[in-house]
PDB file of all heavy atoms in Angstrom:
ATOM      1  N   VAL A   1    -102.337  42.293 -79.229  1.00  0.00           N
ATOM      2  CA  VAL A   1    -102.643  43.486 -80.019  1.00  0.00           C
ATOM      3  C   VAL A   1    -103.152  43.050 -81.389  1.00  0.00           C
ATOM      4  O   VAL A   1    -102.357  42.646 -82.247  1.00  0.00           O
ATOM      5  CB  VAL A   1    -101.397  44.378 -80.171  1.00  0.00           C
ATOM      6  CG1 VAL A   1    -101.746  45.641 -80.957  1.00  0.00           C
ATOM      7  CG2 VAL A   1    -100.830  44.746 -78.810  1.00  0.00           C
ATOM      8  N   PRO A   2    -104.458  43.112 -81.620  1.00  0.00           N
ATOM      9  CA  PRO A   2    -105.024  42.616 -82.891  1.00  0.00           C
ATOM     10  C   PRO A   2    -104.879  43.617 -84.026  1.00  0.00           C
ATOM     11  O   PRO A   2    -105.866  44.146 -84.541  1.00  0.00           O
ATOM     12  CB  PRO A   2    -106.490  42.373 -82.536  1.00  0.00           C
ATOM     13  CG  PRO A   2    -106.783  43.396 -81.483  1.00  0.00           C
ATOM     14  CD  PRO A   2    -105.506  43.559 -80.681  1.00  0.00           C
ATOM     15  N   ASP A   3    -103.632  43.896 -84.431  1.00  0.00           N
ATOM     16  CA  ASP A   3    -103.420  44.868 -85.506  1.00  0.00           C
ATOM     17  C   ASP A   3    -102.785  44.204 -86.719  1.00  0.00           C
ATOM     18  O   ASP A   3    -101.886  44.758 -87.353  1.00  0.00           O
ATOM     19  CB  ASP A   3    -102.584  46.051 -85.018  1.00  0.00           C
ATOM     20  CG  ASP A   3    -101.219  45.631 -84.485  1.00  0.00           C
ATOM     21  OD1 ASP A   3    -100.962  44.410 -84.410  1.00  0.00           O
ATOM     22  OD2 ASP A   3    -100.403  46.515 -84.169  1.00  0.00           O
ATOM     23  N   GLY A   4    -103.278  43.013 -87.050  1.00  0.00           N
ATOM     24  CA  GLY A   4    -102.772  42.267 -88.184  1.00  0.00           C
ATOM     25  C   GLY A   4    -101.977  41.060 -87.735  1.00  0.00           C
ATOM     26  O   GLY A   4    -101.250  41.110 -86.737  1.00  0.00           O
ATOM     27  N   ILE A   5    -102.132  39.966 -88.466  1.00  0.00           N
ATOM     28  CA  ILE A   5    -101.476  38.710 -88.121  1.00  0.00           C
ATOM     29  C   ILE A   5    -100.365  38.438 -89.126  1.00  0.00           C
ATOM     30  O   ILE A   5    -100.608  38.367 -90.335  1.00  0.00           O
ATOM     31  CB  ILE A   5    -102.484  37.554 -88.103  1.00  0.00           C
ATOM     32  CG1 ILE A   5    -103.513  37.776 -86.979  1.00  0.00           C
ATOM     33  CG2 ILE A   5    -101.782  36.207 -87.932  1.00  0.00           C
ATOM     34  CD1 ILE A   5    -104.643  36.773 -86.981  1.00  0.00           C
ATOM     35  N   ARG A   6     -99.158  38.262 -88.631  1.00  0.00           N
ATOM     36  CA  ARG A   6     -98.011  37.930 -89.477  1.00  0.00           C
ATOM     37  C   ARG A   6     -98.022  36.439 -89.798  1.00  0.00           C
ATOM     38  O   ARG A   6     -98.317  35.609 -88.939  1.00  0.00           O
ATOM     39  CB  ARG A   6     -96.717  38.293 -88.759  1.00  0.00           C
ATOM     40  CG  ARG A   6     -95.446  38.023 -89.551  1.00  0.00           C
ATOM     41  CD  ARG A   6     -94.215  38.384 -88.736  1.00  0.00           C
ATOM     42  NE  ARG A   6     -92.971  38.042 -89.431  1.00  0.00           N
ATOM     43  CZ  ARG A   6     -91.764  38.231 -88.919  1.00  0.00           C
ATOM     44  NH1 ARG A   6     -91.632  38.766 -87.716  1.00  0.00           N
ATOM     45  NH2 ARG A   6     -90.686  37.882 -89.614  1.00  0.00           N
ATOM     46  N   PHE A   7     -97.709  36.099 -91.052  1.00  0.00           N
ATOM     47  CA  PHE A   7     -97.663  34.691 -91.421  1.00  0.00           C
ATOM     48  C   PHE A   7     -96.557  34.461 -92.445  1.00  0.00           C
ATOM     49  O   PHE A   7     -95.997  35.402 -93.013  1.00  0.00           O
ATOM     50  CB  PHE A   7     -99.013  34.207 -91.983  1.00  0.00           C
ATOM     51  CG  PHE A   7     -99.376  34.775 -93.321  1.00  0.00           C
ATOM     52  CD1 PHE A   7     -98.971  34.154 -94.499  1.00  0.00           C
ATOM     53  CD2 PHE A   7    -100.143  35.926 -93.422  1.00  0.00           C
ATOM     54  CE1 PHE A   7     -99.301  34.684 -95.743  1.00  0.00           C
ATOM     55  CE2 PHE A   7    -100.487  36.455 -94.661  1.00  0.00           C
ATOM     56  CZ  PHE A   7    -100.063  35.824 -95.822  1.00  0.00           C
ATOM     57  N   CYS A   8     -96.236  33.193 -92.678  1.00  0.00           N
ATOM     58  CA  CYS A   8     -95.304  32.847 -93.737  1.00  0.00           C
ATOM     59  C   CYS A   8     -95.660  31.483 -94.300  1.00  0.00           C
ATOM     60  O   CYS A   8     -96.391  30.707 -93.676  1.00  0.00           O
ATOM     61  CB  CYS A   8     -93.848  32.846 -93.241  1.00  0.00           C
ATOM     62  SG  CYS A   8     -93.381  31.381 -92.329  1.00  0.00           S
ATOM     63  N   GLU A   9     -95.163  31.190 -95.500  1.00  0.00           N
ATOM     64  CA  GLU A   9     -95.313  29.892 -96.149  1.00  0.00           C
ATOM     65  C   GLU A   9     -93.963  29.485 -96.717  1.00  0.00           C
ATOM     66  O   GLU A   9     -93.214  30.326 -97.223  1.00  0.00           O
ATOM     67  CB  GLU A   9     -96.328  29.938 -97.288  1.00  0.00           C
ATOM     68  CG  GLU A   9     -97.767  30.052 -96.865  1.00  0.00           C
ATOM     69  CD  GLU A   9     -98.713  30.053 -98.053  1.00  0.00           C
ATOM     70  OE1 GLU A   9     -98.240  29.919 -99.201  1.00  0.00           O
ATOM     71  OE2 GLU A   9     -99.918  30.209 -97.835  1.00  0.00           O
ATOM     72  N   ALA A  10     -93.657  28.197 -96.611  1.00  0.00           N
ATOM     73  CA  ALA A  10     -92.462  27.648 -97.244  1.00  0.00           C
ATOM     74  C   ALA A  10     -92.862  26.399 -97.992  1.00  0.00           C
ATOM     75  O   ALA A  10     -93.650  25.597 -97.494  1.00  0.00           O
ATOM     76  CB  ALA A  10     -91.395  27.323 -96.199  1.00  0.00           C
ATOM     77  N   GLU A  11     -92.352  26.230 -99.201  1.00  0.00           N
ATOM     78  CA  GLU A  11     -92.650  25.019 -99.959  1.00  0.00           C
ATOM     79  C   GLU A  11     -91.413  24.585-100.732  1.00  0.00           C
ATOM     80  O   GLU A  11     -90.596  25.416-101.150  1.00  0.00           O
ATOM     81  CB  GLU A  11     -93.841  25.221-100.899  1.00  0.00           C
ATOM     82  CG  GLU A  11     -93.698  26.329-101.901  1.00  0.00           C
ATOM     83  CD  GLU A  11     -94.947  26.477-102.769  1.00  0.00           C
ATOM     84  OE1 GLU A  11     -96.020  26.008-102.370  1.00  0.00           O
ATOM     85  OE2 GLU A  11     -94.820  27.074-103.847  1.00  0.00           O
ATOM     86  N   GLN A  12     -91.296  23.275-100.877  1.00  0.00           N
ATOM     87  CA  GLN A  12     -90.117  22.733-101.531  1.00  0.00           C
ATOM     88  C   GLN A  12     -90.435  21.409-102.185  1.00  0.00           C
ATOM     89  O   GLN A  12     -91.110  20.556-101.598  1.00  0.00           O
ATOM     90  CB  GLN A  12     -88.983  22.534-100.513  1.00  0.00           C
ATOM     91  CG  GLN A  12     -87.668  22.087-101.132  1.00  0.00           C
ATOM     92  CD  GLN A  12     -86.544  22.055-100.132  1.00  0.00           C
ATOM     93  OE1 GLN A  12     -86.763  22.115 -98.933  1.00  0.00           O
ATOM     94  NE2 GLN A  12     -85.311  21.973-100.622  1.00  0.00           N
ATOM     95  N   CYS A  13     -89.988  21.251-103.414  1.00  0.00           N
ATOM     96  CA  CYS A  13     -90.031  19.969-104.114  1.00  0.00           C
ATOM     97  C   CYS A  13     -88.656  19.317-104.018  1.00  0.00           C
ATOM     98  O   CYS A  13     -87.636  20.001-103.934  1.00  0.00           O
ATOM     99  CB  CYS A  13     -90.399  20.162-105.597  1.00  0.00           C
ATOM    100  SG  CYS A  13     -92.101  20.682-105.879  1.00  0.00           S
ATOM    101  N   ARG A  14     -88.648  17.981-104.019  1.00  0.00           N
ATOM    102  CA  ARG A  14     -87.370  17.282-103.983  1.00  0.00           C
ATOM    103  C   ARG A  14     -86.530  17.689-105.197  1.00  0.00           C
ATOM    104  O   ARG A  14     -87.031  17.797-106.307  1.00  0.00           O
ATOM    105  CB  ARG A  14     -87.609  15.778-103.955  1.00  0.00           C
ATOM    106  CG  ARG A  14     -86.331  14.962-103.780  1.00  0.00           C
ATOM    107  CD  ARG A  14     -86.633  13.568-103.309  1.00  0.00           C
ATOM    108  NE  ARG A  14     -87.246  13.526-101.991  1.00  0.00           N
ATOM    109  CZ  ARG A  14     -86.583  13.658-100.844  1.00  0.00           C
ATOM    110  NH1 ARG A  14     -85.271  13.865-100.861  1.00  0.00           N
ATOM    111  NH2 ARG A  14     -87.220  13.598 -99.695  1.00  0.00           N
ATOM    112  N   ASN A  15     -85.279  17.965-104.936  1.00  0.00           N
ATOM    113  CA  ASN A  15     -84.325  18.436-105.947  1.00  0.00           C
ATOM    114  C   ASN A  15     -84.656  19.835-106.471  1.00  0.00           C
ATOM    115  O   ASN A  15     -84.156  20.259-107.506  1.00  0.00           O
ATOM    116  CB  ASN A  15     -84.232  17.458-107.130  1.00  0.00           C
ATOM    117  CG  ASN A  15     -83.804  16.069-106.692  1.00  0.00           C
ATOM    118  OD1 ASN A  15     -82.955  15.931-105.823  1.00  0.00           O
ATOM    119  ND2 ASN A  15     -84.407  15.040-107.287  1.00  0.00           N
ATOM    120  N   GLY A  16     -85.536  20.534-105.748  1.00  0.00           N
ATOM    121  CA  GLY A  16     -85.881  21.894-106.136  1.00  0.00           C
ATOM    122  C   GLY A  16     -85.552  22.882-105.037  1.00  0.00           C
ATOM    123  O   GLY A  16     -85.231  22.506-103.907  1.00  0.00           O
ATOM    124  N   PRO A  17     -85.613  24.185-105.336  1.00  0.00           N
ATOM    125  CA  PRO A  17     -85.275  25.209-104.338  1.00  0.00           C
ATOM    126  C   PRO A  17     -86.389  25.378-103.312  1.00  0.00           C
ATOM    127  O   PRO A  17     -87.570  25.111-103.590  1.00  0.00           O
ATOM    128  CB  PRO A  17     -85.124  26.477-105.181  1.00  0.00           C
ATOM    129  CG  PRO A  17     -86.049  26.251-106.332  1.00  0.00           C
ATOM    130  CD  PRO A  17     -85.983  24.770-106.629  1.00  0.00           C
ATOM    131  N   LEU A  18     -86.025  25.815-102.138  1.00  0.00           N
ATOM    132  CA  LEU A  18     -87.001  26.212-101.135  1.00  0.00           C
ATOM    133  C   LEU A  18     -87.519  27.601-101.499  1.00  0.00           C
ATOM    134  O   LEU A  18     -86.730  28.517-101.749  1.00  0.00           O
ATOM    135  CB  LEU A  18     -86.361  26.234 -99.751  1.00  0.00           C
ATOM    136  CG  LEU A  18     -87.263  26.680 -98.601  1.00  0.00           C
ATOM    137  CD1 LEU A  18     -88.265  25.584 -98.265  1.00  0.00           C
ATOM    138  CD2 LEU A  18     -86.445  27.023 -97.368  1.00  0.00           C
ATOM    139  N   VAL A  19     -88.831  27.763-101.561  1.00  0.00           N
ATOM    140  CA  VAL A  19     -89.450  29.039-101.909  1.00  0.00           C
ATOM    141  C   VAL A  19     -90.196  29.564-100.695  1.00  0.00           C
ATOM    142  O   VAL A  19     -90.967  28.820-100.070  1.00  0.00           O
ATOM    143  CB  VAL A  19     -90.410  28.892-103.104  1.00  0.00           C
ATOM    144  CG1 VAL A  19     -91.028  30.235-103.462  1.00  0.00           C
ATOM    145  CG2 VAL A  19     -89.664  28.322-104.313  1.00  0.00           C
ATOM    146  N   LEU A  20     -89.963  30.812-100.365  1.00  0.00           N
ATOM    147  CA  LEU A  20     -90.553  31.411 -99.176  1.00  0.00           C
ATOM    148  C   LEU A  20     -91.501  32.556 -99.530  1.00  0.00           C
ATOM    149  O   LEU A  20     -91.224  33.358-100.418  1.00  0.00           O
ATOM    150  CB  LEU A  20     -89.460  31.950 -98.251  1.00  0.00           C
ATOM    151  CG  LEU A  20     -88.761  30.946 -97.337  1.00  0.00           C
ATOM    152  CD1 LEU A  20     -87.592  31.610 -96.644  1.00  0.00           C
ATOM    153  CD2 LEU A  20     -89.726  30.366 -96.308  1.00  0.00           C
ATOM    154  N   PHE A  21     -92.613  32.580 -98.799  1.00  0.00           N
ATOM    155  CA  PHE A  21     -93.572  33.674 -98.871  1.00  0.00           C
ATOM    156  C   PHE A  21     -93.790  34.193 -97.447  1.00  0.00           C
ATOM    157  O   PHE A  21     -93.627  33.456 -96.482  1.00  0.00           O
ATOM    158  CB  PHE A  21     -94.920  33.209 -99.433  1.00  0.00           C
ATOM    159  CG  PHE A  21     -94.845  32.554-100.788  1.00  0.00           C
ATOM    160  CD1 PHE A  21     -94.581  31.197-100.897  1.00  0.00           C
ATOM    161  CD2 PHE A  21     -95.041  33.291-101.942  1.00  0.00           C
ATOM    162  CE1 PHE A  21     -94.512  30.576-102.134  1.00  0.00           C
ATOM    163  CE2 PHE A  21     -94.976  32.682-103.185  1.00  0.00           C
ATOM    164  CZ  PHE A  21     -94.712  31.326-103.282  1.00  0.00           C
ATOM    165  N   ALA A  22     -94.177  35.440 -97.345  1.00  0.00           N
ATOM    166  CA  ALA A  22     -94.536  36.005 -96.047  1.00  0.00           C
ATOM    167  C   ALA A  22     -95.693  36.962 -96.260  1.00  0.00           C
ATOM    168  O   ALA A  22     -96.024  37.319 -97.393  1.00  0.00           O
ATOM    169  CB  ALA A  22     -93.340  36.713 -95.406  1.00  0.00           C
ATOM    170  N   GLY A  23     -96.307  37.372 -95.152  1.00  0.00           N
ATOM    171  CA  GLY A  23     -97.424  38.291 -95.322  1.00  0.00           C
ATOM    172  C   GLY A  23     -98.068  38.708 -94.020  1.00  0.00           C
ATOM    173  O   GLY A  23     -97.619  38.362 -92.920  1.00  0.00           O
ATOM    174  N   ILE A  24     -99.117  39.485 -94.175  1.00  0.00           N
ATOM    175  CA  ILE A  24     -99.932  39.941 -93.051  1.00  0.00           C
ATOM    176  C   ILE A  24    -101.387  39.839 -93.470  1.00  0.00           C
ATOM    177  O   ILE A  24    -101.739  40.087 -94.628  1.00  0.00           O
ATOM    178  CB  ILE A  24     -99.557  41.382 -92.645  1.00  0.00           C
ATOM    179  CG1 ILE A  24    -100.316  41.810 -91.395  1.00  0.00           C
ATOM    180  CG2 ILE A  24     -99.781  42.365 -93.784  1.00  0.00           C
ATOM    181  CD1 ILE A  24     -99.799  43.119 -90.803  1.00  0.00           C
ATOM    182  N   LYS A  25    -102.238  39.424 -92.550  1.00  0.00           N
ATOM    183  CA  LYS A  25    -103.664  39.292 -92.837  1.00  0.00           C
ATOM    184  C   LYS A  25    -104.474  39.848 -91.671  1.00  0.00           C
ATOM    185  O   LYS A  25    -103.927  40.154 -90.601  1.00  0.00           O
ATOM    186  CB  LYS A  25    -104.033  37.830 -93.099  1.00  0.00           C
ATOM    187  CG  LYS A  25    -103.954  36.930 -91.879  1.00  0.00           C
ATOM    188  CD  LYS A  25    -104.445  35.530 -92.222  1.00  0.00           C
ATOM    189  CE  LYS A  25    -104.567  34.670 -90.972  1.00  0.00           C
ATOM    190  NZ  LYS A  25    -105.152  33.351 -91.258  1.00  0.00           N
ATOM    191  N   ASP A  26    -105.775  39.978 -91.913  1.00  0.00           N
ATOM    192  CA  ASP A  26    -106.709  40.483 -90.896  1.00  0.00           C
ATOM    193  C   ASP A  26    -106.292  41.863 -90.376  1.00  0.00           C
ATOM    194  O   ASP A  26    -106.468  42.180 -89.196  1.00  0.00           O
ATOM    195  CB  ASP A  26    -106.836  39.509 -89.720  1.00  0.00           C
ATOM    196  CG  ASP A  26    -107.373  38.155 -90.131  1.00  0.00           C
ATOM    197  OD1 ASP A  26    -107.985  38.079 -91.212  1.00  0.00           O
ATOM    198  OD2 ASP A  26    -107.193  37.180 -89.391  1.00  0.00           O
ATOM    199  N   LEU A  27    -105.737  42.678 -91.267  1.00  0.00           N
ATOM    200  CA  LEU A  27    -105.371  44.045 -90.920  1.00  0.00           C
ATOM    201  C   LEU A  27    -106.498  44.957 -91.395  1.00  0.00           C
ATOM    202  O   LEU A  27    -106.714  45.123 -92.594  1.00  0.00           O
ATOM    203  CB  LEU A  27    -104.051  44.424 -91.590  1.00  0.00           C
ATOM    204  CG  LEU A  27    -103.528  45.839 -91.337  1.00  0.00           C
ATOM    205  CD1 LEU A  27    -103.237  46.052 -89.857  1.00  0.00           C
ATOM    206  CD2 LEU A  27    -102.288  46.113 -92.173  1.00  0.00           C
ATOM    207  N   LYS A  28    -107.207  45.549 -90.467  1.00  0.00           N
ATOM    208  CA  LYS A  28    -108.367  46.377 -90.801  1.00  0.00           C
ATOM    209  C   LYS A  28    -107.973  47.850 -90.721  1.00  0.00           C
ATOM    210  O   LYS A  28    -107.464  48.310 -89.695  1.00  0.00           O
ATOM    211  CB  LYS A  28    -109.537  46.087 -89.858  1.00  0.00           C
ATOM    212  CG  LYS A  28    -110.880  46.542 -90.401  1.00  0.00           C
ATOM    213  CD  LYS A  28    -112.037  45.923 -89.631  1.00  0.00           C
ATOM    214  CE  LYS A  28    -113.372  46.274 -90.271  1.00  0.00           C
ATOM    215  NZ  LYS A  28    -114.510  45.638 -89.556  1.00  0.00           N
ATOM    216  N   LEU A  29    -108.193  48.570 -91.838  1.00  0.00           N
ATOM    217  CA  LEU A  29    -107.758  49.954 -91.955  1.00  0.00           C
ATOM    218  C   LEU A  29    -108.931  50.852 -92.349  1.00  0.00           C
ATOM    219  O   LEU A  29    -109.845  50.422 -93.046  1.00  0.00           O
ATOM    220  CB  LEU A  29    -106.654  50.073 -93.018  1.00  0.00           C
ATOM    221  CG  LEU A  29    -105.395  49.231 -92.788  1.00  0.00           C
ATOM    222  CD1 LEU A  29    -104.496  49.287 -94.022  1.00  0.00           C
ATOM    223  CD2 LEU A  29    -104.649  49.700 -91.569  1.00  0.00           C
ATOM    224  N   MET A  30    -108.854  52.114 -91.922  1.00  0.00           N
ATOM    225  CA  MET A  30    -109.911  53.081 -92.254  1.00  0.00           C
ATOM    226  C   MET A  30    -109.311  54.469 -92.379  1.00  0.00           C
ATOM    227  O   MET A  30    -108.418  54.846 -91.627  1.00  0.00           O
ATOM    228  CB  MET A  30    -110.990  53.106 -91.164  1.00  0.00           C
ATOM    229  CG  MET A  30    -112.046  54.194 -91.370  1.00  0.00           C
ATOM    230  SD  MET A  30    -113.137  54.426 -89.950  1.00  0.00           S
ATOM    231  CE  MET A  30    -114.095  52.916 -90.027  1.00  0.00           C
ATOM    232  N   LYS A  31    -109.791  55.222 -93.380  1.00  0.00           N
ATOM    233  CA  LYS A  31    -109.554  56.663 -93.427  1.00  0.00           C
ATOM    234  C   LYS A  31    -110.900  57.331 -93.670  1.00  0.00           C
ATOM    235  O   LYS A  31    -111.714  56.847 -94.471  1.00  0.00           O
ATOM    236  CB  LYS A  31    -108.528  57.042 -94.491  1.00  0.00           C
ATOM    237  CG  LYS A  31    -108.802  56.567 -95.884  1.00  0.00           C
ATOM    238  CD  LYS A  31    -107.557  56.728 -96.741  1.00  0.00           C
ATOM    239  CE  LYS A  31    -107.625  57.887 -97.659  1.00  0.00           C
ATOM    240  NZ  LYS A  31    -106.440  58.026 -98.543  1.00  0.00           N
ATOM    241  N   THR A  32    -111.153  58.432 -92.988  1.00  0.00           N
ATOM    242  CA  THR A  32    -112.502  59.004 -92.958  1.00  0.00           C
ATOM    243  C   THR A  32    -112.738  60.049 -94.040  1.00  0.00           C
ATOM    244  O   THR A  32    -113.869  60.551 -94.166  1.00  0.00           O
ATOM    245  CB  THR A  32    -112.768  59.619 -91.580  1.00  0.00           C
ATOM    246  OG1 THR A  32    -111.731  60.560 -91.272  1.00  0.00           O
ATOM    247  CG2 THR A  32    -112.799  58.541 -90.508  1.00  0.00           C
ATOM    248  N   THR A  33    -111.717  60.356 -94.806  1.00  0.00           N
ATOM    249  CA  THR A  33    -111.874  61.287 -95.936  1.00  0.00           C
ATOM    250  C   THR A  33    -110.739  61.027 -96.919  1.00  0.00           C
ATOM    251  O   THR A  33    -110.026  60.045 -96.800  1.00  0.00           O
ATOM    252  CB  THR A  33    -111.862  62.754 -95.459  1.00  0.00           C
ATOM    253  OG1 THR A  33    -112.217  63.608 -96.551  1.00  0.00           O
ATOM    254  CG2 THR A  33    -110.516  63.148 -94.894  1.00  0.00           C
ATOM    255  N   GLN A  34    -110.585  61.912 -97.902  1.00  0.00           N
ATOM    256  CA  GLN A  34    -109.564  61.753 -98.942  1.00  0.00           C
ATOM    257  C   GLN A  34    -109.763  60.456 -99.724  1.00  0.00           C
ATOM    258  O   GLN A  34    -108.804  59.757-100.057  1.00  0.00           O
ATOM    259  CB  GLN A  34    -108.155  61.788 -98.335  1.00  0.00           C
ATOM    260  CG  GLN A  34    -107.716  63.165 -97.855  1.00  0.00           C
ATOM    261  CD  GLN A  34    -107.209  64.029 -99.003  1.00  0.00           C
ATOM    262  OE1 GLN A  34    -107.896  64.233-100.008  1.00  0.00           O
ATOM    263  NE2 GLN A  34    -106.012  64.545 -98.853  1.00  0.00           N
ATOM    264  N   SER A  35    -111.021  60.133 -99.985  1.00  0.00           N
ATOM    265  CA  SER A  35    -111.337  58.963-100.795  1.00  0.00           C
ATOM    266  C   SER A  35    -112.627  59.234-101.565  1.00  0.00           C
ATOM    267  O   SER A  35    -113.545  59.883-101.053  1.00  0.00           O
ATOM    268  CB  SER A  35    -111.511  57.727 -99.908  1.00  0.00           C
ATOM    269  OG  SER A  35    -112.006  56.632-100.670  1.00  0.00           O
ATOM    270  N   GLY A  36    -112.671  58.732-102.794  1.00  0.00           N
ATOM    271  CA  GLY A  36    -113.874  58.884-103.597  1.00  0.00           C
ATOM    272  C   GLY A  36    -113.947  57.814-104.663  1.00  0.00           C
ATOM    273  O   GLY A  36    -113.063  56.952-104.772  1.00  0.00           O
ATOM    274  N   PHE A  37    -115.018  57.871-105.445  1.00  0.00           N
ATOM    275  CA  PHE A  37    -115.177  56.946-106.566  1.00  0.00           C
ATOM    276  C   PHE A  37    -116.063  57.630-107.591  1.00  0.00           C
ATOM    277  O   PHE A  37    -117.277  57.762-107.409  1.00  0.00           O
ATOM    278  CB  PHE A  37    -115.789  55.626-106.092  1.00  0.00           C
ATOM    279  CG  PHE A  37    -115.815  54.558-107.156  1.00  0.00           C
ATOM    280  CD1 PHE A  37    -114.681  54.250-107.895  1.00  0.00           C
ATOM    281  CD2 PHE A  37    -116.984  53.857-107.429  1.00  0.00           C
ATOM    282  CE1 PHE A  37    -114.700  53.269-108.874  1.00  0.00           C
ATOM    283  CE2 PHE A  37    -117.014  52.880-108.406  1.00  0.00           C
ATOM    284  CZ  PHE A  37    -115.879  52.578-109.125  1.00  0.00           C
TER     285      PHE A  37
END
């Protein structure tokens, strides 16, 4: 089901904390009205 790809990142330095990121990419969205500029 190509409705967005879940991903995560983890990074750590020696003697430092583990830091975590997560996200979603390639999620294509559309609304056909209620938008302007």
